[in-house]
PDB file of N, CA and C in Angstrom:
ATOM      1  N   MET A   1     -39.907-120.512 -34.613  1.00  0.00           N
ATOM      2  CA  MET A   1     -39.267-120.233 -33.353  1.00  0.00           C
ATOM      3  C   MET A   1     -37.877-120.855 -33.342  1.00  0.00           C
ATOM      4  N   CYS A   2     -36.923-120.095 -32.916  1.00  0.00           N
ATOM      5  CA  CYS A   2     -35.571-120.615 -32.663  1.00  0.00           C
ATOM      6  C   CYS A   2     -34.961-121.338 -33.858  1.00  0.00           C
ATOM      7  N   LYS A   3     -35.308-120.904 -35.049  1.00  0.00           N
ATOM      8  CA  LYS A   3     -34.772-121.491 -36.279  1.00  0.00           C
ATOM      9  C   LYS A   3     -34.956-123.001 -36.322  1.00  0.00           C
ATOM     10  N   GLY A   4     -36.080-123.471 -35.761  1.00  0.00           N
ATOM     11  CA  GLY A   4     -36.407-124.892 -35.816  1.00  0.00           C
ATOM     12  C   GLY A   4     -35.872-125.731 -34.680  1.00  0.00           C
ATOM     13  N   ASP A   5     -35.157-125.150 -33.736  1.00  0.00           N
ATOM     14  CA  ASP A   5     -34.598-125.891 -32.599  1.00  0.00           C
ATOM     15  C   ASP A   5     -35.712-126.144 -31.572  1.00  0.00           C
ATOM     16  N   SER A   6     -36.245-127.364 -31.557  1.00  0.00           N
ATOM     17  CA  SER A   6     -37.381-127.694 -30.695  1.00  0.00           C
ATOM     18  C   SER A   6     -37.068-127.565 -29.212  1.00  0.00           C
ATOM     19  N   SER A   7     -35.881-127.967 -28.800  1.00  0.00           N
ATOM     20  CA  SER A   7     -35.558-127.878 -27.368  1.00  0.00           C
ATOM     21  C   SER A   7     -35.444-126.423 -26.927  1.00  0.00           C
ATOM     22  N   GLU A   8     -34.863-125.578 -27.754  1.00  0.00           N
ATOM     23  CA  GLU A   8     -34.771-124.144 -27.432  1.00  0.00           C
ATOM     24  C   GLU A   8     -36.158-123.506 -27.456  1.00  0.00           C
ATOM     25  N   ALA A   9     -36.988-123.883 -28.426  1.00  0.00           N
ATOM     26  CA  ALA A   9     -38.348-123.348 -28.505  1.00  0.00           C
ATOM     27  C   ALA A   9     -39.148-123.732 -27.266  1.00  0.00           C
ATOM     28  N   ALA A  10     -39.030-124.983 -26.811  1.00  0.00           N
ATOM     29  CA  ALA A  10     -39.732-125.426 -25.603  1.00  0.00           C
ATOM     30  C   ALA A  10     -39.239-124.657 -24.381  1.00  0.00           C
ATOM     31  N   ARG A  11     -37.965-124.309 -24.360  1.00  0.00           N
ATOM     32  CA  ARG A  11     -37.403-123.566 -23.234  1.00  0.00           C
ATOM     33  C   ARG A  11     -37.940-122.139 -23.170  1.00  0.00           C
ATOM     34  N   ILE A  12     -38.100-121.478 -24.330  1.00  0.00           N
ATOM     35  CA  ILE A  12     -38.525-120.074 -24.313  1.00  0.00           C
ATOM     36  C   ILE A  12     -40.039-119.880 -24.407  1.00  0.00           C
ATOM     37  N   ALA A  13     -40.783-120.929 -24.753  1.00  0.00           N
ATOM     38  CA  ALA A  13     -42.242-120.805 -24.899  1.00  0.00           C
ATOM     39  C   ALA A  13     -42.915-120.245 -23.637  1.00  0.00           C
ATOM     40  N   PRO A  14     -42.560-120.699 -22.421  1.00  0.00           N
ATOM     41  CA  PRO A  14     -43.186-120.105 -21.232  1.00  0.00           C
ATOM     42  C   PRO A  14     -42.904-118.604 -21.104  1.00  0.00           C
ATOM     43  N   ASP A  15     -41.711-118.173 -21.500  1.00  0.00           N
ATOM     44  CA  ASP A  15     -41.363-116.751 -21.469  1.00  0.00           C
ATOM     45  C   ASP A  15     -42.222-115.969 -22.463  1.00  0.00           C
ATOM     46  N   ILE A  16     -42.450-116.542 -23.641  1.00  0.00           N
ATOM     47  CA  ILE A  16     -43.307-115.901 -24.645  1.00  0.00           C
ATOM     48  C   ILE A  16     -44.725-115.769 -24.115  1.00  0.00           C
ATOM     49  N   MET A  17     -45.238-116.836 -23.495  1.00  0.00           N
ATOM     50  CA  MET A  17     -46.607-116.785 -22.964  1.00  0.00           C
ATOM     51  C   MET A  17     -46.722-115.752 -21.838  1.00  0.00           C
ATOM     52  N   ALA A  18     -45.686-115.630 -21.026  1.00  0.00           N
ATOM     53  CA  ALA A  18     -45.733-114.706 -19.884  1.00  0.00           C
ATOM     54  C   ALA A  18     -45.426-113.263 -20.254  1.00  0.00           C
ATOM     55  N   ASN A  19     -44.494-113.056 -21.210  1.00  0.00           N
ATOM     56  CA  ASN A  19     -43.977-111.706 -21.458  1.00  0.00           C
ATOM     57  C   ASN A  19     -44.173-111.175 -22.868  1.00  0.00           C
ATOM     58  N   GLY A  20     -44.326-112.046 -23.859  1.00  0.00           N
ATOM     59  CA  GLY A  20     -44.436-111.613 -25.247  1.00  0.00           C
ATOM     60  C   GLY A  20     -43.192-111.964 -26.044  1.00  0.00           C
ATOM     61  N   LEU A  21     -43.044-111.317 -27.185  1.00  0.00           N
ATOM     62  CA  LEU A  21     -41.903-111.576 -28.064  1.00  0.00           C
ATOM     63  C   LEU A  21     -40.692-110.772 -27.609  1.00  0.00           C
ATOM     64  N   SER A  22     -39.570-111.417 -27.562  1.00  0.00           N
ATOM     65  CA  SER A  22     -38.323-110.771 -27.164  1.00  0.00           C
ATOM     66  C   SER A  22     -37.762-109.962 -28.330  1.00  0.00           C
ATOM     67  N   VAL A  23     -37.400-108.724 -28.046  1.00  0.00           N
ATOM     68  CA  VAL A  23     -36.792-107.855 -29.053  1.00  0.00           C
ATOM     69  C   VAL A  23     -35.287-108.074 -29.016  1.00  0.00           C
ATOM     70  N   ASP A  24     -34.706-108.316 -30.173  1.00  0.00           N
ATOM     71  CA  ASP A  24     -33.274-108.578 -30.265  1.00  0.00           C
ATOM     72  C   ASP A  24     -32.655-107.621 -31.278  1.00  0.00           C
ATOM     73  N   TYR A  25     -31.354-107.629 -31.341  1.00  0.00           N
ATOM     74  CA  TYR A  25     -30.622-106.812 -32.304  1.00  0.00           C
ATOM     75  C   TYR A  25     -30.627-107.505 -33.663  1.00  0.00           C
ATOM     76  N   SER A  26     -30.662-106.723 -34.737  1.00  0.00           N
ATOM     77  CA  SER A  26     -30.461-107.258 -36.082  1.00  0.00           C
ATOM     78  C   SER A  26     -29.806-106.173 -36.919  1.00  0.00           C
ATOM     79  N   ARG A  27     -29.373-106.548 -38.087  1.00  0.00           N
ATOM     80  CA  ARG A  27     -28.732-105.548 -38.943  1.00  0.00           C
ATOM     81  C   ARG A  27     -29.734-104.519 -39.454  1.00  0.00           C
ATOM     82  N   HIS A  28     -31.032-104.794 -39.252  1.00  0.00           N
ATOM     83  CA  HIS A  28     -32.083-103.869 -39.673  1.00  0.00           C
ATOM     84  C   HIS A  28     -32.723-103.156 -38.489  1.00  0.00           C
ATOM     85  N   GLY A  29     -32.012-103.073 -37.361  1.00  0.00           N
ATOM     86  CA  GLY A  29     -32.526-102.402 -36.171  1.00  0.00           C
ATOM     87  C   GLY A  29     -33.068-103.395 -35.159  1.00  0.00           C
ATOM     88  N   SER A  30     -33.235-102.945 -33.934  1.00  0.00           N
ATOM     89  CA  SER A  30     -33.750-103.842 -32.906  1.00  0.00           C
ATOM     90  C   SER A  30     -35.243-104.065 -33.135  1.00  0.00           C
ATOM     91  N   ALA A  31     -35.620-105.350 -33.180  1.00  0.00           N
ATOM     92  CA  ALA A  31     -37.002-105.708 -33.483  1.00  0.00           C
ATOM     93  C   ALA A  31     -37.217-107.192 -33.225  1.00  0.00           C
ATOM     94  N   ALA A  32     -38.481-107.555 -33.162  1.00  0.00           N
ATOM     95  CA  ALA A  32     -38.884-108.954 -33.261  1.00  0.00           C
ATOM     96  C   ALA A  32     -39.426-109.107 -34.687  1.00  0.00           C
ATOM     97  N   TRP A  33     -39.234-110.263 -35.281  1.00  0.00           N
ATOM     98  CA  TRP A  33     -39.658-110.504 -36.662  1.00  0.00           C
ATOM     99  C   TRP A  33     -40.609-111.684 -36.688  1.00  0.00           C
ATOM    100  N   ALA A  34     -41.602-111.638 -37.567  1.00  0.00           N
ATOM    101  CA  ALA A  34     -42.579-112.722 -37.647  1.00  0.00           C
ATOM    102  C   ALA A  34     -43.179-112.798 -39.046  1.00  0.00           C
ATOM    103  N   TYR A  35     -43.798-113.937 -39.332  1.00  0.00           N
ATOM    104  CA  TYR A  35     -44.539-114.120 -40.578  1.00  0.00           C
ATOM    105  C   TYR A  35     -46.011-113.785 -40.338  1.00  0.00           C
ATOM    106  N   TYR A  36     -46.658-113.255 -41.351  1.00  0.00           N
ATOM    107  CA  TYR A  36     -48.110-113.141 -41.318  1.00  0.00           C
ATOM    108  C   TYR A  36     -48.679-114.557 -41.421  1.00  0.00           C
ATOM    109  N   ILE A  37     -49.790-114.809 -40.734  1.00  0.00           N
ATOM    110  CA  ILE A  37     -50.337-116.163 -40.668  1.00  0.00           C
ATOM    111  C   ILE A  37     -50.716-116.724 -42.034  1.00  0.00           C
ATOM    112  N   ASP A  38     -50.991-115.869 -42.992  1.00  0.00           N
ATOM    113  CA  ASP A  38     -51.347-116.357 -44.331  1.00  0.00           C
ATOM    114  C   ASP A  38     -50.154-116.354 -45.280  1.00  0.00           C
ATOM    115  N   MET A  39     -48.946-116.128 -44.751  1.00  0.00           N
ATOM    116  CA  MET A  39     -47.744-116.044 -45.592  1.00  0.00           C
ATOM    117  C   MET A  39     -46.552-116.756 -44.950  1.00  0.00           C
ATOM    118  N   VAL A  40     -46.744-117.984 -44.491  1.00  0.00           N
ATOM    119  CA  VAL A  40     -45.668-118.723 -43.839  1.00  0.00           C
ATOM    120  C   VAL A  40     -45.018-119.662 -44.858  1.00  0.00           C
ATOM    121  N   PRO A  41     -43.722-119.508 -45.100  1.00  0.00           N
ATOM    122  CA  PRO A  41     -43.045-120.407 -46.041  1.00  0.00           C
ATOM    123  C   PRO A  41     -43.188-121.872 -45.611  1.00  0.00           C
ATOM    124  N   ALA A  42     -43.463-122.741 -46.561  1.00  0.00           N
ATOM    125  CA  ALA A  42     -43.708-124.161 -46.293  1.00  0.00           C
ATOM    126  C   ALA A  42     -42.535-124.840 -45.595  1.00  0.00           C
ATOM    127  N   ARG A  43     -41.336-124.332 -45.752  1.00  0.00           N
ATOM    128  CA  ARG A  43     -40.178-124.971 -45.111  1.00  0.00           C
ATOM    129  C   ARG A  43     -40.283-124.967 -43.586  1.00  0.00           C
ATOM    130  N   TRP A  44     -41.160-124.125 -43.031  1.00  0.00           N
ATOM    131  CA  TRP A  44     -41.339-124.053 -41.569  1.00  0.00           C
ATOM    132  C   TRP A  44     -42.479-124.944 -41.082  1.00  0.00           C
ATOM    133  N   ARG A  45     -43.146-125.671 -41.958  1.00  0.00           N
ATOM    134  CA  ARG A  45     -44.334-126.462 -41.624  1.00  0.00           C
ATOM    135  C   ARG A  45     -44.129-127.417 -40.443  1.00  0.00           C
ATOM    136  N   SER A  46     -42.988-128.048 -40.328  1.00  0.00           N
ATOM    137  CA  SER A  46     -42.777-129.033 -39.256  1.00  0.00           C
ATOM    138  C   SER A  46     -41.942-128.479 -38.095  1.00  0.00           C
ATOM    139  N   ASP A  47     -41.614-127.202 -38.128  1.00  0.00           N
ATOM    140  CA  ASP A  47     -40.820-126.581 -37.060  1.00  0.00           C
ATOM    141  C   ASP A  47     -41.728-125.978 -35.995  1.00  0.00           C
ATOM    142  N   PRO A  48     -41.189-125.719 -34.806  1.00  0.00           N
ATOM    143  CA  PRO A  48     -41.987-125.080 -33.761  1.00  0.00           C
ATOM    144  C   PRO A  48     -42.405-123.670 -34.185  1.00  0.00           C
ATOM    145  N   LEU A  49     -43.686-123.367 -33.998  1.00  0.00           N
ATOM    146  CA  LEU A  49     -44.233-122.050 -34.330  1.00  0.00           C
ATOM    147  C   LEU A  49     -45.110-121.572 -33.189  1.00  0.00           C
ATOM    148  N   VAL A  50     -45.070-120.273 -32.913  1.00  0.00           N
ATOM    149  CA  VAL A  50     -46.034-119.654 -32.006  1.00  0.00           C
ATOM    150  C   VAL A  50     -46.956-118.803 -32.864  1.00  0.00           C
ATOM    151  N   ILE A  51     -48.256-118.955 -32.655  1.00  0.00           N
ATOM    152  CA  ILE A  51     -49.253-118.184 -33.392  1.00  0.00           C
ATOM    153  C   ILE A  51     -49.804-117.152 -32.416  1.00  0.00           C
ATOM    154  N   PHE A  52     -49.840-115.890 -32.849  1.00  0.00           N
ATOM    155  CA  PHE A  52     -50.209-114.830 -31.917  1.00  0.00           C
ATOM    156  C   PHE A  52     -50.932-113.692 -32.612  1.00  0.00           C
ATOM    157  N   GLU A  53     -51.553-112.852 -31.805  1.00  0.00           N
ATOM    158  CA  GLU A  53     -52.123-111.583 -32.265  1.00  0.00           C
ATOM    159  C   GLU A  53     -51.314-110.477 -31.610  1.00  0.00           C
ATOM    160  N   VAL A  54     -51.203-109.352 -32.322  1.00  0.00           N
ATOM    161  CA  VAL A  54     -50.470-108.199 -31.820  1.00  0.00           C
ATOM    162  C   VAL A  54     -51.202-106.942 -32.272  1.00  0.00           C
ATOM    163  N   GLU A  55     -51.089-105.887 -31.501  1.00  0.00           N
ATOM    164  CA  GLU A  55     -51.722-104.620 -31.877  1.00  0.00           C
ATOM    165  C   GLU A  55     -51.141-104.129 -33.201  1.00  0.00           C
ATOM    166  N   ALA A  56     -52.031-103.736 -34.111  1.00  0.00           N
ATOM    167  CA  ALA A  56     -51.617-103.341 -35.465  1.00  0.00           C
ATOM    168  C   ALA A  56     -50.604-102.203 -35.467  1.00  0.00           C
ATOM    169  N   GLN A  57     -50.704-101.261 -34.535  1.00  0.00           N
ATOM    170  CA  GLN A  57     -49.785-100.118 -34.530  1.00  0.00           C
ATOM    171  C   GLN A  57     -48.347-100.523 -34.189  1.00  0.00           C
ATOM    172  N   ARG A  58     -48.141-101.725 -33.697  1.00  0.00           N
ATOM    173  CA  ARG A  58     -46.781-102.194 -33.393  1.00  0.00           C
ATOM    174  C   ARG A  58     -46.087-102.803 -34.605  1.00  0.00           C
ATOM    175  N   VAL A  59     -46.843-103.053 -35.677  1.00  0.00           N
ATOM    176  CA  VAL A  59     -46.332-103.805 -36.830  1.00  0.00           C
ATOM    177  C   VAL A  59     -45.927-102.882 -37.968  1.00  0.00           C
ATOM    178  N   VAL A  60     -44.734-103.145 -38.510  1.00  0.00           N
ATOM    179  CA  VAL A  60     -44.292-102.522 -39.751  1.00  0.00           C
ATOM    180  C   VAL A  60     -44.271-103.634 -40.792  1.00  0.00           C
ATOM    181  N   LYS A  61     -45.077-103.473 -41.845  1.00  0.00           N
ATOM    182  CA  LYS A  61     -45.125-104.482 -42.906  1.00  0.00           C
ATOM    183  C   LYS A  61     -43.936-104.274 -43.832  1.00  0.00           C
ATOM    184  N   VAL A  62     -43.153-105.328 -44.015  1.00  0.00           N
ATOM    185  CA  VAL A  62     -41.957-105.268 -44.856  1.00  0.00           C
ATOM    186  C   VAL A  62     -42.212-106.127 -46.097  1.00  0.00           C
ATOM    187  N   PRO A  63     -42.558-105.503 -47.231  1.00  0.00           N
ATOM    188  CA  PRO A  63     -42.810-106.265 -48.453  1.00  0.00           C
ATOM    189  C   PRO A  63     -41.520-106.905 -48.979  1.00  0.00           C
ATOM    190  N   ILE A  64     -41.646-108.149 -49.430  1.00  0.00           N
ATOM    191  CA  ILE A  64     -40.541-108.872 -50.061  1.00  0.00           C
ATOM    192  C   ILE A  64     -41.131-109.543 -51.296  1.00  0.00           C
ATOM    193  N   TRP A  65     -40.798-109.055 -52.452  1.00  0.00           N
ATOM    194  CA  TRP A  65     -41.388-109.595 -53.667  1.00  0.00           C
ATOM    195  C   TRP A  65     -40.829-110.983 -53.953  1.00  0.00           C
ATOM    196  N   LEU A  66     -41.719-111.928 -54.150  1.00  0.00           N
ATOM    197  CA  LEU A  66     -41.351-113.282 -54.570  1.00  0.00           C
ATOM    198  C   LEU A  66     -42.120-113.603 -55.842  1.00  0.00           C
ATOM    199  N   PRO A  67     -41.497-114.252 -56.819  1.00  0.00           N
ATOM    200  CA  PRO A  67     -42.200-114.548 -58.069  1.00  0.00           C
ATOM    201  C   PRO A  67     -43.491-115.347 -57.847  1.00  0.00           C
ATOM    202  N   GLN A  68     -43.466-116.296 -56.899  1.00  0.00           N
ATOM    203  CA  GLN A  68     -44.642-117.120 -56.657  1.00  0.00           C
ATOM    204  C   GLN A  68     -45.644-116.464 -55.703  1.00  0.00           C
ATOM    205  N   ARG A  69     -45.262-115.352 -55.101  1.00  0.00           N
ATOM    206  CA  ARG A  69     -46.148-114.670 -54.149  1.00  0.00           C
ATOM    207  C   ARG A  69     -45.796-113.182 -54.124  1.00  0.00           C
ATOM    208  N   PRO A  70     -46.232-112.406 -55.136  1.00  0.00           N
ATOM    209  CA  PRO A  70     -45.851-110.998 -55.222  1.00  0.00           C
ATOM    210  C   PRO A  70     -46.385-110.123 -54.083  1.00  0.00           C
ATOM    211  N   ASP A  71     -47.378-110.602 -53.325  1.00  0.00           N
ATOM    212  CA  ASP A  71     -47.902-109.831 -52.190  1.00  0.00           C
ATOM    213  C   ASP A  71     -47.213-110.184 -50.876  1.00  0.00           C
ATOM    214  N   TYR A  72     -46.175-111.026 -50.934  1.00  0.00           N
ATOM    215  CA  TYR A  72     -45.504-111.522 -49.726  1.00  0.00           C
ATOM    216  C   TYR A  72     -44.898-110.384 -48.911  1.00  0.00           C
ATOM    217  N   ALA A  73     -44.988-110.530 -47.585  1.00  0.00           N
ATOM    218  CA  ALA A  73     -44.387-109.571 -46.664  1.00  0.00           C
ATOM    219  C   ALA A  73     -44.153-110.271 -45.328  1.00  0.00           C
ATOM    220  N   ILE A  74     -43.275-109.703 -44.533  1.00  0.00           N
ATOM    221  CA  ILE A  74     -43.056-110.174 -43.166  1.00  0.00           C
ATOM    222  C   ILE A  74     -43.338-109.022 -42.209  1.00  0.00           C
ATOM    223  N   MET A  75     -43.479-109.367 -40.935  1.00  0.00           N
ATOM    224  CA  MET A  75     -43.731-108.364 -39.896  1.00  0.00           C
ATOM    225  C   MET A  75     -42.435-107.989 -39.194  1.00  0.00           C
ATOM    226  N   LYS A  76     -42.224-106.704 -39.059  1.00  0.00           N
ATOM    227  CA  LYS A  76     -41.158-106.196 -38.201  1.00  0.00           C
ATOM    228  C   LYS A  76     -41.870-105.521 -37.031  1.00  0.00           C
ATOM    229  N   LEU A  77     -41.512-105.911 -35.824  1.00  0.00           N
ATOM    230  CA  LEU A  77     -42.091-105.332 -34.618  1.00  0.00           C
ATOM    231  C   LEU A  77     -40.970-104.596 -33.887  1.00  0.00           C
ATOM    232  N   PRO A  78     -40.743-103.320 -34.237  1.00  0.00           N
ATOM    233  CA  PRO A  78     -39.634-102.573 -33.655  1.00  0.00           C
ATOM    234  C   PRO A  78     -39.809-102.373 -32.150  1.00  0.00           C
ATOM    235  N   GLY A  79     -38.700-102.307 -31.477  1.00  0.00           N
ATOM    236  CA  GLY A  79     -38.710-102.056 -30.042  1.00  0.00           C
ATOM    237  C   GLY A  79     -37.304-101.880 -29.527  1.00  0.00           C
ATOM    238  N   GLN A  80     -37.215-101.504 -28.279  1.00  0.00           N
ATOM    239  CA  GLN A  80     -35.908-101.364 -27.644  1.00  0.00           C
ATOM    240  C   GLN A  80     -35.341-102.759 -27.398  1.00  0.00           C
ATOM    241  N   ALA A  81     -34.082-102.961 -27.748  1.00  0.00           N
ATOM    242  CA  ALA A  81     -33.446-104.264 -27.582  1.00  0.00           C
ATOM    243  C   ALA A  81     -33.559-104.747 -26.141  1.00  0.00           C
ATOM    244  N   LEU A  82     -33.757-106.049 -26.025  1.00  0.00           N
ATOM    245  CA  LEU A  82     -33.849-106.749 -24.741  1.00  0.00           C
ATOM    246  C   LEU A  82     -35.102-106.388 -23.953  1.00  0.00           C
ATOM    247  N   THR A  83     -36.150-105.925 -24.664  1.00  0.00           N
ATOM    248  CA  THR A  83     -37.463-105.718 -24.062  1.00  0.00           C
ATOM    249  C   THR A  83     -38.428-106.702 -24.735  1.00  0.00           C
ATOM    250  N   TYR A  84     -39.708-106.566 -24.437  1.00  0.00           N
ATOM    251  CA  TYR A  84     -40.710-107.478 -24.992  1.00  0.00           C
ATOM    252  C   TYR A  84     -41.798-106.710 -25.733  1.00  0.00           C
ATOM    253  N   ILE A  85     -42.332-107.342 -26.775  1.00  0.00           N
ATOM    254  CA  ILE A  85     -43.507-106.852 -27.488  1.00  0.00           C
ATOM    255  C   ILE A  85     -44.697-107.647 -26.934  1.00  0.00           C
ATOM    256  N   PRO A  86     -45.681-106.978 -26.342  1.00  0.00           N
ATOM    257  CA  PRO A  86     -46.828-107.730 -25.822  1.00  0.00           C
ATOM    258  C   PRO A  86     -47.658-108.351 -26.955  1.00  0.00           C
ATOM    259  N   ILE A  87     -48.024-109.605 -26.770  1.00  0.00           N
ATOM    260  CA  ILE A  87     -48.835-110.326 -27.752  1.00  0.00           C
ATOM    261  C   ILE A  87     -49.888-111.141 -27.007  1.00  0.00           C
ATOM    262  N   ARG A  88     -50.857-111.631 -27.783  1.00  0.00           N
ATOM    263  CA  ARG A  88     -51.815-112.607 -27.248  1.00  0.00           C
ATOM    264  C   ARG A  88     -51.540-113.912 -27.968  1.00  0.00           C
ATOM    265  N   VAL A  89     -51.031-114.894 -27.234  1.00  0.00           N
ATOM    266  CA  VAL A  89     -50.696-116.192 -27.820  1.00  0.00           C
ATOM    267  C   VAL A  89     -51.986-116.948 -28.123  1.00  0.00           C
ATOM    268  N   LEU A  90     -52.119-117.385 -29.390  1.00  0.00           N
ATOM    269  CA  LEU A  90     -53.273-118.185 -29.806  1.00  0.00           C
ATOM    270  C   LEU A  90     -52.979-119.677 -29.711  1.00  0.00           C
ATOM    271  N   GLY A  91     -51.710-120.034 -29.681  1.00  0.00           N
ATOM    272  CA  GLY A  91     -51.307-121.428 -29.562  1.00  0.00           C
ATOM    273  C   GLY A  91     -49.968-121.678 -30.236  1.00  0.00           C
ATOM    274  N   PHE A  92     -49.560-122.930 -30.187  1.00  0.00           N
ATOM    275  CA  PHE A  92     -48.267-123.333 -30.741  1.00  0.00           C
ATOM    276  C   PHE A  92     -48.464-124.489 -31.706  1.00  0.00           C
ATOM    277  N   LEU A  93     -47.505-124.671 -32.583  1.00  0.00           N
ATOM    278  CA  LEU A  93     -47.449-125.840 -33.464  1.00  0.00           C
ATOM    279  C   LEU A  93     -46.125-126.550 -33.234  1.00  0.00           C
ATOM    280  N   ASN A  94     -46.193-127.859 -33.246  1.00  0.00           N
ATOM    281  CA  ASN A  94     -44.996-128.698 -33.167  1.00  0.00           C
ATOM    282  C   ASN A  94     -44.215-128.523 -31.874  1.00  0.00           C
ATOM    283  N   LEU A  95     -44.922-128.220 -30.784  1.00  0.00           N
ATOM    284  CA  LEU A  95     -44.310-128.149 -29.455  1.00  0.00           C
ATOM    285  C   LEU A  95     -45.210-128.909 -28.480  1.00  0.00           C
ATOM    286  N   HIS A  96     -44.768-130.057 -28.044  1.00  0.00           N
ATOM    287  CA  HIS A  96     -45.570-130.911 -27.169  1.00  0.00           C
ATOM    288  C   HIS A  96     -45.745-130.281 -25.790  1.00  0.00           C
ATOM    289  N   GLY A  97     -46.939-130.468 -25.226  1.00  0.00           N
ATOM    290  CA  GLY A  97     -47.215-130.005 -23.879  1.00  0.00           C
ATOM    291  C   GLY A  97     -47.637-128.555 -23.775  1.00  0.00           C
ATOM    292  N   LEU A  98     -47.781-127.865 -24.903  1.00  0.00           N
ATOM    293  CA  LEU A  98     -48.195-126.463 -24.904  1.00  0.00           C
ATOM    294  C   LEU A  98     -49.531-126.342 -25.624  1.00  0.00           C
ATOM    295  N   PRO A  99     -50.277-125.253 -25.373  1.00  0.00           N
ATOM    296  CA  PRO A  99     -51.559-125.091 -26.060  1.00  0.00           C
ATOM    297  C   PRO A  99     -51.373-125.154 -27.580  1.00  0.00           C
ATOM    298  N   VAL A 100     -52.214-125.940 -28.241  1.00  0.00           N
ATOM    299  CA  VAL A 100     -52.099-126.162 -29.687  1.00  0.00           C
ATOM    300  C   VAL A 100     -52.991-125.184 -30.439  1.00  0.00           C
ATOM    301  N   TYR A 101     -52.445-124.611 -31.499  1.00  0.00           N
ATOM    302  CA  TYR A 101     -53.221-123.766 -32.402  1.00  0.00           C
ATOM    303  C   TYR A 101     -53.887-124.668 -33.429  1.00  0.00           C
ATOM    304  N   ASN A 102     -55.211-124.568 -33.535  1.00  0.00           N
ATOM    305  CA  ASN A 102     -55.953-125.442 -34.452  1.00  0.00           C
ATOM    306  C   ASN A 102     -56.529-124.705 -35.655  1.00  0.00           C
ATOM    307  N   GLY A 103     -56.155-123.448 -35.839  1.00  0.00           N
ATOM    308  CA  GLY A 103     -56.678-122.673 -36.969  1.00  0.00           C
ATOM    309  C   GLY A 103     -55.911-122.934 -38.248  1.00  0.00           C
ATOM    310  N   VAL A 104     -56.243-122.152 -39.245  1.00  0.00           N
ATOM    311  CA  VAL A 104     -55.633-122.286 -40.576  1.00  0.00           C
ATOM    312  C   VAL A 104     -54.356-121.448 -40.645  1.00  0.00           C
ATOM    313  N   ILE A 105     -53.351-122.012 -41.276  1.00  0.00           N
ATOM    314  CA  ILE A 105     -52.104-121.293 -41.541  1.00  0.00           C
ATOM    315  C   ILE A 105     -51.859-121.348 -43.041  1.00  0.00           C
ATOM    316  N   GLY A 106     -51.507-120.208 -43.621  1.00  0.00           N
ATOM    317  CA  GLY A 106     -51.304-120.123 -45.065  1.00  0.00           C
ATOM    318  C   GLY A 106     -49.895-120.472 -45.478  1.00  0.00           C
ATOM    319  N   PHE A 107     -49.553-121.760 -45.381  1.00  0.00           N
ATOM    320  CA  PHE A 107     -48.237-122.186 -45.865  1.00  0.00           C
ATOM    321  C   PHE A 107     -48.230-122.098 -47.391  1.00  0.00           C
ATOM    322  N   PHE A 108     -47.107-121.699 -47.943  1.00  0.00           N
ATOM    323  CA  PHE A 108     -46.977-121.677 -49.404  1.00  0.00           C
ATOM    324  C   PHE A 108     -45.601-122.128 -49.815  1.00  0.00           C
TER     325      PHE A 108
END
């Protein structure tokens, strides 16, 4: 969340819980982007994370070949810019005062 900015993540977390993921502009089209729970790069281990479920039909799997993980991919959730993708929040990591996710995350 928020490229590791904890104060910004804490500010937007209530909006995520109430509305879902915010769709923003990118050079690859308007979308929200996320990691699959079993494919989270280890560099994000101590940063704020929101763990969520989303309807499968909203997800476009974007494969990115990595030598250490040839099955690696990220999620693209296309949508109209400045709207929300509905999700079910399972919890947060590294954000105090918010529901904590206690499941397994596949850091690599």
